Amino acid sequence: MASKIQLISNALILIGDLPITSLSGNSRAETVANNLYDNIVQNELSKFRWGFARQQAQLSLTTDTPVGSEWSSIYQLPSDMLTLIKLSPSVPYQILGDKVYCNYSGALYCDYIANVSEAAWPAYFAKMIEYALAMDFAPSIRDSASSMQLLANQYLNASRMARYTDSQQHPQTAIQDRPFINVRY
């Protein structure tokens, strides 16, 4: 899909600036983009359980020994993980740094949101990122609070549409337990 340069250029166009062809220059736009891009993208990926960014992995049991007696095992989290969704089997745990501490020593799996590359993004997420970048670039590049407010409104709309579109890609699971109906029979 879109590349990093294309996304940044589109965001610059949204704020009324000229597009860029590389990030190696010293212009104001290139400096702002180099410093803000990765944080903005990781923040947006972490805000929602995006289906295209969801991954599963088996965690590796480390040979490290936990300090204290609260936890008995330490597992290594995936290096591309931004947000942990769940562990399977479901066990009490605590995340410290890039490791999971728990009292379980069998095969442990996790669902998580990964830091996926731009090539894996669907069009609705790329468009939302363009607005997020434009909203954050505007005060630094254009020195305009009014344009930032306009872009913030457009970003909110794009964010709602992206979340709605992504949610349509994953069917809802029907509720299996019906205690109020079962008690009648």
N, C-alpha and C. Protein backbone atom coordinates (compact mmCIF):
# COMPACT_ATOMS: atom_id res chain seq x y z
N MET A 1 0.83 -1.18 0.00
CA MET A 1 0.00 0.00 0.00
C MET A 1 0.89 1.25 0.00
N ALA A 2 0.62 2.16 0.90
CA ALA A 2 1.34 3.43 0.95
C ALA A 2 2.69 3.26 1.65
N SER A 3 3.62 4.09 1.26
CA SER A 3 4.94 4.09 1.91
C SER A 3 4.99 5.22 2.93
N LYS A 4 6.03 5.21 3.74
CA LYS A 4 6.22 6.25 4.76
C LYS A 4 6.29 7.63 4.12
N ILE A 5 7.03 7.76 3.02
CA ILE A 5 7.17 9.05 2.33
C ILE A 5 5.83 9.51 1.78
N GLN A 6 5.05 8.59 1.18
CA GLN A 6 3.74 8.95 0.63
C GLN A 6 2.79 9.44 1.74
N LEU A 7 2.79 8.74 2.88
CA LEU A 7 1.92 9.15 3.98
C LEU A 7 2.30 10.52 4.52
N ILE A 8 3.59 10.75 4.68
CA ILE A 8 4.05 12.04 5.18
C ILE A 8 3.75 13.14 4.16
N SER A 9 3.98 12.86 2.88
CA SER A 9 3.69 13.85 1.83
C SER A 9 2.21 14.19 1.79
N ASN A 10 1.35 13.20 1.90
CA ASN A 10 -0.09 13.45 1.92
C ASN A 10 -0.49 14.28 3.14
N ALA A 11 0.12 14.01 4.29
CA ALA A 11 -0.17 14.80 5.48
C ALA A 11 0.28 16.25 5.29
N LEU A 12 1.43 16.43 4.67
CA LEU A 12 1.91 17.80 4.41
C LEU A 12 0.99 18.54 3.45
N ILE A 13 0.49 17.84 2.45
CA ILE A 13 -0.46 18.45 1.51
C ILE A 13 -1.74 18.86 2.25
N LEU A 14 -2.19 18.04 3.20
CA LEU A 14 -3.39 18.36 3.97
C LEU A 14 -3.24 19.65 4.78
N ILE A 15 -2.03 19.96 5.20
CA ILE A 15 -1.83 21.20 5.96
C ILE A 15 -1.39 22.37 5.08
N GLY A 16 -1.36 22.12 3.77
CA GLY A 16 -1.04 23.20 2.85
C GLY A 16 0.44 23.38 2.59
N ASP A 17 1.24 22.36 2.84
CA ASP A 17 2.67 22.43 2.59
C ASP A 17 3.00 21.61 1.34
N LEU A 18 4.24 21.70 0.90
CA LEU A 18 4.68 20.95 -0.27
C LEU A 18 5.06 19.53 0.12
N PRO A 19 4.80 18.55 -0.75
CA PRO A 19 5.20 17.18 -0.45
C PRO A 19 6.71 17.04 -0.47
N ILE A 20 7.21 15.99 0.17
CA ILE A 20 8.65 15.73 0.19
C ILE A 20 8.96 14.49 -0.62
N THR A 21 10.20 14.34 -1.03
CA THR A 21 10.62 13.15 -1.78
C THR A 21 11.56 12.27 -0.97
N SER A 22 12.10 12.80 0.14
CA SER A 22 12.96 12.01 1.02
C SER A 22 12.92 12.61 2.41
N LEU A 23 13.46 11.86 3.36
CA LEU A 23 13.52 12.34 4.74
C LEU A 23 14.94 12.71 5.15
N SER A 24 15.81 12.86 4.17
CA SER A 24 17.22 13.12 4.48
C SER A 24 17.58 14.60 4.46
N GLY A 25 16.65 15.47 4.13
CA GLY A 25 16.95 16.90 4.07
C GLY A 25 16.85 17.58 5.42
N ASN A 26 17.04 18.88 5.41
CA ASN A 26 17.01 19.66 6.64
C ASN A 26 15.85 20.65 6.68
N SER A 27 14.85 20.45 5.84
CA SER A 27 13.72 21.37 5.85
C SER A 27 12.91 21.17 7.14
N ARG A 28 12.09 22.15 7.45
CA ARG A 28 11.26 22.07 8.65
C ARG A 28 10.33 20.86 8.61
N ALA A 29 9.72 20.62 7.46
CA ALA A 29 8.80 19.49 7.31
C ALA A 29 9.52 18.15 7.51
N GLU A 30 10.70 18.01 6.94
CA GLU A 30 11.45 16.75 7.07
C GLU A 30 11.90 16.53 8.52
N THR A 31 12.30 17.58 9.20
CA THR A 31 12.71 17.46 10.60
C THR A 31 11.53 17.05 11.48
N VAL A 32 10.40 17.70 11.28
CA VAL A 32 9.20 17.37 12.05
C VAL A 32 8.78 15.93 11.78
N ALA A 33 8.75 15.54 10.51
CA ALA A 33 8.33 14.18 10.15
C ALA A 33 9.27 13.13 10.73
N ASN A 34 10.57 13.36 10.64
CA ASN A 34 11.54 12.40 11.19
C ASN A 34 11.37 12.21 12.68
N ASN A 35 11.03 13.27 13.39
CA ASN A 35 10.94 13.19 14.85
C ASN A 35 9.59 12.70 15.36
N LEU A 36 8.52 12.90 14.62
CA LEU A 36 7.18 12.57 15.12
C LEU A 36 6.56 11.31 14.53
N TYR A 37 6.95 10.92 13.35
CA TYR A 37 6.25 9.87 12.60
C TYR A 37 6.11 8.56 13.40
N ASP A 38 7.21 7.99 13.85
CA ASP A 38 7.16 6.67 14.50
C ASP A 38 6.29 6.68 15.76
N ASN A 39 6.39 7.73 16.57
CA ASN A 39 5.57 7.80 17.78
C ASN A 39 4.08 7.91 17.46
N ILE A 40 3.75 8.70 16.45
CA ILE A 40 2.34 8.86 16.06
C ILE A 40 1.78 7.53 15.57
N VAL A 41 2.52 6.83 14.72
CA VAL A 41 2.05 5.56 14.18
C VAL A 41 1.89 4.51 15.28
N GLN A 42 2.88 4.37 16.15
CA GLN A 42 2.78 3.38 17.23
C GLN A 42 1.65 3.72 18.19
N ASN A 43 1.43 4.99 18.43
CA ASN A 43 0.31 5.40 19.27
C ASN A 43 -1.02 5.01 18.64
N GLU A 44 -1.18 5.25 17.36
CA GLU A 44 -2.43 4.91 16.68
C GLU A 44 -2.64 3.40 16.60
N LEU A 45 -1.58 2.63 16.39
CA LEU A 45 -1.70 1.17 16.38
C LEU A 45 -2.12 0.64 17.74
N SER A 46 -1.68 1.30 18.81
CA SER A 46 -1.96 0.83 20.17
C SER A 46 -3.35 1.19 20.66
N LYS A 47 -4.02 2.14 20.03
CA LYS A 47 -5.31 2.63 20.52
C LYS A 47 -6.47 1.68 20.33
N PHE A 48 -6.37 0.76 19.39
CA PHE A 48 -7.51 -0.08 19.01
C PHE A 48 -6.98 -1.46 18.65
N ARG A 49 -7.79 -2.47 18.77
CA ARG A 49 -7.37 -3.83 18.40
C ARG A 49 -7.58 -4.05 16.91
N TRP A 50 -6.71 -3.42 16.13
CA TRP A 50 -6.80 -3.50 14.67
C TRP A 50 -6.61 -4.94 14.22
N GLY A 51 -7.52 -5.43 13.40
CA GLY A 51 -7.43 -6.81 12.91
C GLY A 51 -6.19 -7.06 12.08
N PHE A 52 -5.79 -6.11 11.25
CA PHE A 52 -4.62 -6.31 10.40
C PHE A 52 -3.31 -6.31 11.19
N ALA A 53 -3.32 -5.77 12.41
CA ALA A 53 -2.11 -5.71 13.23
C ALA A 53 -2.08 -6.78 14.32
N ARG A 54 -3.12 -7.56 14.39
CA ARG A 54 -3.21 -8.60 15.43
C ARG A 54 -2.38 -9.81 15.04
N GLN A 55 -1.56 -10.27 15.97
CA GLN A 55 -0.69 -11.43 15.74
C GLN A 55 -0.85 -12.41 16.90
N GLN A 56 -0.43 -13.65 16.64
CA GLN A 56 -0.38 -14.67 17.68
C GLN A 56 1.02 -15.25 17.70
N ALA A 57 1.49 -15.61 18.90
CA ALA A 57 2.82 -16.19 19.02
C ALA A 57 2.89 -17.07 20.26
N GLN A 58 3.78 -18.05 20.18
CA GLN A 58 4.07 -18.85 21.37
C GLN A 58 5.24 -18.17 22.07
N LEU A 59 5.09 -17.93 23.35
CA LEU A 59 6.14 -17.26 24.11
C LEU A 59 7.20 -18.25 24.56
N SER A 60 8.43 -17.78 24.60
CA SER A 60 9.55 -18.63 25.02
C SER A 60 9.78 -18.47 26.52
N LEU A 61 9.89 -19.60 27.20
CA LEU A 61 10.19 -19.59 28.63
C LEU A 61 11.68 -19.27 28.78
N THR A 62 11.99 -18.25 29.56
CA THR A 62 13.39 -17.87 29.74
C THR A 62 14.01 -18.68 30.89
N THR A 63 15.31 -18.63 30.99
CA THR A 63 16.02 -19.29 32.08
C THR A 63 16.22 -18.36 33.26
N ASP A 64 15.74 -17.12 33.14
CA ASP A 64 15.86 -16.15 34.24
C ASP A 64 15.05 -16.61 35.44
N THR A 65 15.53 -16.27 36.61
CA THR A 65 14.84 -16.58 37.85
C THR A 65 14.18 -15.33 38.39
N PRO A 66 12.86 -15.37 38.64
CA PRO A 66 12.18 -14.18 39.16
C PRO A 66 12.70 -13.81 40.55
N VAL A 67 12.72 -12.52 40.82
CA VAL A 67 13.10 -12.03 42.13
C VAL A 67 11.86 -12.11 43.03
N GLY A 68 12.02 -12.61 44.24
CA GLY A 68 10.90 -12.73 45.15
C GLY A 68 10.13 -14.02 44.93
N SER A 69 9.00 -14.12 45.60
CA SER A 69 8.21 -15.36 45.53
C SER A 69 6.86 -15.17 44.86
N GLU A 70 6.60 -14.00 44.29
CA GLU A 70 5.30 -13.74 43.68
C GLU A 70 5.10 -14.54 42.40
N TRP A 71 6.15 -14.66 41.57
CA TRP A 71 6.05 -15.33 40.28
C TRP A 71 7.09 -16.44 40.19
N SER A 72 6.76 -17.49 39.44
CA SER A 72 7.68 -18.62 39.32
C SER A 72 8.31 -18.74 37.93
N SER A 73 7.72 -18.11 36.91
CA SER A 73 8.23 -18.25 35.54
C SER A 73 8.30 -16.90 34.84
N ILE A 74 9.22 -16.82 33.86
CA ILE A 74 9.37 -15.60 33.06
C ILE A 74 9.36 -16.02 31.58
N TYR A 75 8.49 -15.37 30.80
CA TYR A 75 8.40 -15.61 29.36
C TYR A 75 8.82 -14.35 28.61
N GLN A 76 9.45 -14.52 27.47
CA GLN A 76 9.88 -13.41 26.61
C GLN A 76 8.73 -13.01 25.69
N LEU A 77 8.41 -11.71 25.67
CA LEU A 77 7.37 -11.20 24.77
C LEU A 77 7.95 -11.01 23.37
N PRO A 78 7.12 -11.03 22.32
CA PRO A 78 7.60 -10.78 20.96
C PRO A 78 8.21 -9.38 20.84
N SER A 79 9.24 -9.27 20.04
CA SER A 79 9.95 -7.99 19.90
C SER A 79 9.12 -6.94 19.17
N ASP A 80 8.14 -7.35 18.36
CA ASP A 80 7.32 -6.39 17.62
C ASP A 80 6.01 -6.06 18.33
N MET A 81 5.84 -6.48 19.58
CA MET A 81 4.60 -6.27 20.31
C MET A 81 4.47 -4.82 20.78
N LEU A 82 3.29 -4.24 20.53
CA LEU A 82 2.95 -2.93 21.07
C LEU A 82 2.01 -3.05 22.26
N THR A 83 1.00 -3.93 22.13
CA THR A 83 -0.01 -4.10 23.17
C THR A 83 -0.37 -5.58 23.29
N LEU A 84 -0.37 -6.09 24.50
CA LEU A 84 -0.80 -7.47 24.74
C LEU A 84 -2.31 -7.50 24.84
N ILE A 85 -2.94 -8.44 24.13
CA ILE A 85 -4.39 -8.58 24.19
C ILE A 85 -4.77 -9.64 25.20
N LYS A 86 -4.19 -10.84 25.07
CA LYS A 86 -4.50 -11.91 26.02
C LYS A 86 -3.44 -12.99 25.97
N LEU A 87 -3.42 -13.78 27.03
CA LEU A 87 -2.57 -14.96 27.11
C LEU A 87 -3.46 -16.19 27.08
N SER A 88 -2.95 -17.27 26.49
CA SER A 88 -3.66 -18.54 26.46
C SER A 88 -2.69 -19.62 26.92
N PRO A 89 -2.99 -20.38 27.93
CA PRO A 89 -4.20 -20.32 28.74
C PRO A 89 -4.22 -19.05 29.58
N SER A 90 -5.42 -18.72 30.03
CA SER A 90 -5.61 -17.50 30.81
C SER A 90 -5.07 -17.73 32.22
N VAL A 91 -3.96 -17.06 32.52
CA VAL A 91 -3.33 -17.18 33.84
C VAL A 91 -3.05 -15.78 34.37
N PRO A 92 -3.00 -15.62 35.69
CA PRO A 92 -2.60 -14.31 36.23
C PRO A 92 -1.16 -14.01 35.82
N TYR A 93 -0.90 -12.77 35.44
CA TYR A 93 0.44 -12.41 34.98
C TYR A 93 0.71 -10.94 35.25
N GLN A 94 1.96 -10.57 35.06
CA GLN A 94 2.38 -9.18 35.13
C GLN A 94 3.45 -8.96 34.09
N ILE A 95 3.36 -7.85 33.38
CA ILE A 95 4.38 -7.50 32.38
C ILE A 95 5.37 -6.55 33.04
N LEU A 96 6.63 -6.93 32.98
CA LEU A 96 7.71 -6.08 33.46
C LEU A 96 8.73 -5.99 32.33
N GLY A 97 8.86 -4.80 31.76
CA GLY A 97 9.76 -4.63 30.62
C GLY A 97 9.24 -5.39 29.41
N ASP A 98 10.07 -6.25 28.86
CA ASP A 98 9.68 -7.04 27.68
C ASP A 98 9.45 -8.50 28.04
N LYS A 99 9.07 -8.75 29.30
CA LYS A 99 8.85 -10.12 29.77
C LYS A 99 7.51 -10.23 30.51
N VAL A 100 6.96 -11.44 30.50
CA VAL A 100 5.73 -11.75 31.22
C VAL A 100 6.11 -12.64 32.40
N TYR A 101 5.69 -12.23 33.58
CA TYR A 101 5.92 -13.00 34.80
C TYR A 101 4.60 -13.66 35.18
N CYS A 102 4.65 -14.98 35.47
CA CYS A 102 3.45 -15.70 35.84
C CYS A 102 3.83 -16.94 36.66
N ASN A 103 2.82 -17.68 37.10
CA ASN A 103 3.02 -18.92 37.85
C ASN A 103 2.58 -20.11 36.99
N TYR A 104 3.07 -20.16 35.79
CA TYR A 104 2.73 -21.21 34.83
C TYR A 104 3.99 -21.53 34.06
N SER A 105 4.23 -22.82 33.78
CA SER A 105 5.48 -23.17 33.09
C SER A 105 5.26 -24.03 31.85
N GLY A 106 4.03 -24.10 31.35
CA GLY A 106 3.76 -24.85 30.14
C GLY A 106 3.85 -23.98 28.90
N ALA A 107 3.28 -24.48 27.79
CA ALA A 107 3.25 -23.70 26.55
C ALA A 107 2.31 -22.52 26.73
N LEU A 108 2.83 -21.31 26.52
CA LEU A 108 2.06 -20.09 26.72
C LEU A 108 2.00 -19.32 25.40
N TYR A 109 0.79 -18.97 25.00
CA TYR A 109 0.56 -18.26 23.74
C TYR A 109 0.00 -16.87 24.04
N CYS A 110 0.24 -15.94 23.12
CA CYS A 110 -0.32 -14.61 23.31
C CYS A 110 -0.91 -14.08 22.01
N ASP A 111 -1.95 -13.29 22.16
CA ASP A 111 -2.51 -12.47 21.09
C ASP A 111 -2.05 -11.06 21.40
N TYR A 112 -1.58 -10.35 20.37
CA TYR A 112 -1.06 -9.01 20.62
C TYR A 112 -1.19 -8.15 19.38
N ILE A 113 -1.04 -6.84 19.58
CA ILE A 113 -0.99 -5.89 18.48
C ILE A 113 0.48 -5.68 18.14
N ALA A 114 0.82 -5.94 16.88
CA ALA A 114 2.20 -5.84 16.43
C ALA A 114 2.45 -4.50 15.76
N ASN A 115 3.69 -4.10 15.75
CA ASN A 115 4.12 -2.90 15.04
C ASN A 115 4.33 -3.29 13.57
N VAL A 116 3.25 -3.28 12.80
CA VAL A 116 3.30 -3.75 11.41
C VAL A 116 3.76 -2.64 10.47
N SER A 117 4.38 -3.03 9.38
CA SER A 117 4.90 -2.05 8.42
C SER A 117 3.76 -1.45 7.59
N GLU A 118 4.06 -0.34 6.95
CA GLU A 118 3.08 0.37 6.15
C GLU A 118 2.51 -0.50 5.02
N ALA A 119 3.29 -1.44 4.53
CA ALA A 119 2.84 -2.30 3.44
C ALA A 119 1.64 -3.17 3.85
N ALA A 120 1.49 -3.43 5.15
CA ALA A 120 0.40 -4.27 5.63
C ALA A 120 -0.85 -3.49 6.01
N TRP A 121 -0.79 -2.16 5.92
CA TRP A 121 -1.93 -1.35 6.33
C TRP A 121 -3.01 -1.33 5.25
N PRO A 122 -4.28 -1.47 5.66
CA PRO A 122 -5.37 -1.26 4.71
C PRO A 122 -5.55 0.24 4.45
N ALA A 123 -6.26 0.56 3.39
CA ALA A 123 -6.43 1.96 2.97
C ALA A 123 -7.08 2.81 4.05
N TYR A 124 -8.07 2.27 4.77
CA TYR A 124 -8.75 3.07 5.79
C TYR A 124 -7.80 3.47 6.93
N PHE A 125 -6.85 2.60 7.29
CA PHE A 125 -5.90 2.95 8.35
C PHE A 125 -4.88 3.96 7.83
N ALA A 126 -4.42 3.78 6.61
CA ALA A 126 -3.46 4.72 6.03
C ALA A 126 -4.06 6.12 5.97
N LYS A 127 -5.33 6.23 5.59
CA LYS A 127 -5.98 7.55 5.53
C LYS A 127 -6.08 8.16 6.92
N MET A 128 -6.41 7.35 7.91
CA MET A 128 -6.49 7.86 9.28
C MET A 128 -5.11 8.35 9.74
N ILE A 129 -4.06 7.63 9.40
CA ILE A 129 -2.69 8.03 9.77
C ILE A 129 -2.33 9.36 9.10
N GLU A 130 -2.73 9.56 7.87
CA GLU A 130 -2.46 10.83 7.19
C GLU A 130 -3.06 11.99 7.98
N TYR A 131 -4.30 11.84 8.44
CA TYR A 131 -4.93 12.89 9.23
C TYR A 131 -4.26 13.05 10.59
N ALA A 132 -3.87 11.95 11.22
CA ALA A 132 -3.17 12.04 12.51
C ALA A 132 -1.84 12.76 12.35
N LEU A 133 -1.11 12.45 11.28
CA LEU A 133 0.16 13.13 11.02
C LEU A 133 -0.07 14.61 10.75
N ALA A 134 -1.05 14.92 9.92
CA ALA A 134 -1.33 16.32 9.58
C ALA A 134 -1.72 17.10 10.83
N MET A 135 -2.53 16.50 11.68
CA MET A 135 -2.97 17.18 12.90
C MET A 135 -1.76 17.49 13.80
N ASP A 136 -0.83 16.55 13.92
CA ASP A 136 0.34 16.77 14.77
C ASP A 136 1.42 17.61 14.11
N PHE A 137 1.49 17.57 12.78
CA PHE A 137 2.49 18.38 12.06
C PHE A 137 2.09 19.86 12.00
N ALA A 138 0.79 20.14 11.96
CA ALA A 138 0.29 21.50 11.70
C ALA A 138 0.87 22.56 12.63
N PRO A 139 0.88 22.36 13.94
CA PRO A 139 1.40 23.44 14.79
C PRO A 139 2.89 23.70 14.59
N SER A 140 3.64 22.66 14.27
CA SER A 140 5.09 22.82 14.10
C SER A 140 5.47 23.40 12.75
N ILE A 141 4.70 23.09 11.72
CA ILE A 141 5.06 23.50 10.37
C ILE A 141 4.31 24.77 9.96
N ARG A 142 3.03 24.83 10.22
CA ARG A 142 2.21 25.96 9.76
C ARG A 142 1.99 27.02 10.83
N ASP A 143 2.29 26.73 12.07
CA ASP A 143 2.05 27.67 13.17
C ASP A 143 0.61 28.16 13.19
N SER A 144 -0.32 27.21 13.00
CA SER A 144 -1.73 27.59 12.89
C SER A 144 -2.58 26.71 13.78
N ALA A 145 -3.12 27.29 14.84
CA ALA A 145 -4.00 26.55 15.74
C ALA A 145 -5.34 26.25 15.08
N SER A 146 -5.80 27.14 14.23
CA SER A 146 -7.11 26.92 13.58
C SER A 146 -7.04 25.75 12.61
N SER A 147 -5.93 25.62 11.88
CA SER A 147 -5.81 24.48 10.97
C SER A 147 -5.67 23.18 11.76
N MET A 148 -5.04 23.26 12.93
CA MET A 148 -4.93 22.06 13.77
C MET A 148 -6.30 21.61 14.24
N GLN A 149 -7.17 22.54 14.62
CA GLN A 149 -8.51 22.19 15.06
C GLN A 149 -9.32 21.58 13.93
N LEU A 150 -9.23 22.12 12.74
CA LEU A 150 -9.91 21.57 11.58
C LEU A 150 -9.41 20.15 11.30
N LEU A 151 -8.10 19.96 11.34
CA LEU A 151 -7.53 18.64 11.10
C LEU A 151 -7.89 17.66 12.21
N ALA A 152 -8.02 18.15 13.44
CA ALA A 152 -8.43 17.28 14.55
C ALA A 152 -9.84 16.75 14.32
N ASN A 153 -10.73 17.59 13.81
CA ASN A 153 -12.09 17.14 13.49
C ASN A 153 -12.07 16.11 12.36
N GLN A 154 -11.26 16.36 11.35
CA GLN A 154 -11.16 15.40 10.24
C GLN A 154 -10.53 14.09 10.71
N TYR A 155 -9.55 14.19 11.60
CA TYR A 155 -8.93 12.98 12.15
C TYR A 155 -9.96 12.16 12.93
N LEU A 156 -10.77 12.81 13.78
CA LEU A 156 -11.78 12.08 14.55
C LEU A 156 -12.75 11.34 13.65
N ASN A 157 -13.17 11.97 12.57
CA ASN A 157 -14.06 11.33 11.61
C ASN A 157 -13.36 10.15 10.93
N ALA A 158 -12.12 10.35 10.49
CA ALA A 158 -11.37 9.27 9.84
C ALA A 158 -11.13 8.12 10.81
N SER A 159 -10.88 8.44 12.07
CA SER A 159 -10.65 7.41 13.09
C SER A 159 -11.91 6.58 13.32
N ARG A 160 -13.05 7.25 13.41
CA ARG A 160 -14.32 6.52 13.59
C ARG A 160 -14.60 5.60 12.41
N MET A 161 -14.38 6.12 11.22
CA MET A 161 -14.64 5.31 10.01
C MET A 161 -13.67 4.13 9.93
N ALA A 162 -12.41 4.35 10.29
CA ALA A 162 -11.42 3.27 10.24
C ALA A 162 -11.77 2.18 11.26
N ARG A 163 -12.15 2.57 12.46
CA ARG A 163 -12.52 1.58 13.48
C ARG A 163 -13.78 0.82 13.06
N TYR A 164 -14.74 1.53 12.48
CA TYR A 164 -15.95 0.86 12.01
C TYR A 164 -15.63 -0.13 10.90
N THR A 165 -14.85 0.30 9.93
CA THR A 165 -14.50 -0.57 8.81
C THR A 165 -13.71 -1.78 9.29
N ASP A 166 -12.77 -1.57 10.20
CA ASP A 166 -11.99 -2.70 10.72
C ASP A 166 -12.87 -3.67 11.50
N SER A 167 -13.82 -3.15 12.25
CA SER A 167 -14.69 -4.03 13.04
C SER A 167 -15.58 -4.90 12.15
N GLN A 168 -15.86 -4.45 10.94
CA GLN A 168 -16.67 -5.24 10.02
C GLN A 168 -15.92 -6.44 9.45
N GLN A 169 -14.60 -6.44 9.61
CA GLN A 169 -13.78 -7.54 9.09
C GLN A 169 -13.79 -8.76 10.01
N HIS A 170 -14.32 -8.60 11.23
CA HIS A 170 -14.26 -9.64 12.24
C HIS A 170 -15.66 -9.89 12.78
N PRO A 171 -16.25 -11.04 12.49
CA PRO A 171 -17.62 -11.29 12.94
C PRO A 171 -17.70 -11.41 14.46
N GLN A 172 -18.84 -11.02 14.99
CA GLN A 172 -19.09 -11.13 16.43
C GLN A 172 -19.41 -12.58 16.78
N THR A 173 -18.95 -13.02 17.92
CA THR A 173 -19.25 -14.36 18.40
C THR A 173 -20.55 -14.30 19.20
N ALA A 174 -21.45 -15.18 18.88
CA ALA A 174 -22.73 -15.21 19.58
C ALA A 174 -22.53 -15.62 21.03
N ILE A 175 -23.36 -15.10 21.92
CA ILE A 175 -23.30 -15.47 23.33
C ILE A 175 -23.81 -16.90 23.45
N GLN A 176 -23.01 -17.77 24.04
CA GLN A 176 -23.36 -19.18 24.15
C GLN A 176 -24.16 -19.48 25.42
N ASP A 177 -23.91 -18.75 26.48
CA ASP A 177 -24.55 -19.01 27.76
C ASP A 177 -25.79 -18.15 27.88
N ARG A 178 -26.93 -18.79 28.25
CA ARG A 178 -28.19 -18.06 28.42
C ARG A 178 -28.80 -18.44 29.76
N PRO A 179 -28.24 -17.97 30.87
CA PRO A 179 -28.72 -18.43 32.18
C PRO A 179 -30.17 -18.03 32.48
N PHE A 180 -30.63 -16.89 32.00
CA PHE A 180 -31.99 -16.46 32.30
C PHE A 180 -33.03 -17.27 31.53
N ILE A 181 -32.69 -17.73 30.35
CA ILE A 181 -33.60 -18.57 29.58
C ILE A 181 -33.54 -20.00 30.08
N ASN A 182 -32.33 -20.48 30.39
CA ASN A 182 -32.19 -21.86 30.85
C ASN A 182 -32.86 -22.13 32.19
N VAL A 183 -32.93 -21.14 33.06
CA VAL A 183 -33.53 -21.31 34.36
C VAL A 183 -35.04 -21.53 34.25
N ARG A 184 -35.65 -21.14 33.19
CA ARG A 184 -37.11 -21.31 33.01
C ARG A 184 -37.47 -22.74 32.65
N TYR A 185 -36.51 -23.51 32.15
CA TYR A 185 -36.87 -24.85 31.67
C TYR A 185 -36.34 -25.91 32.56
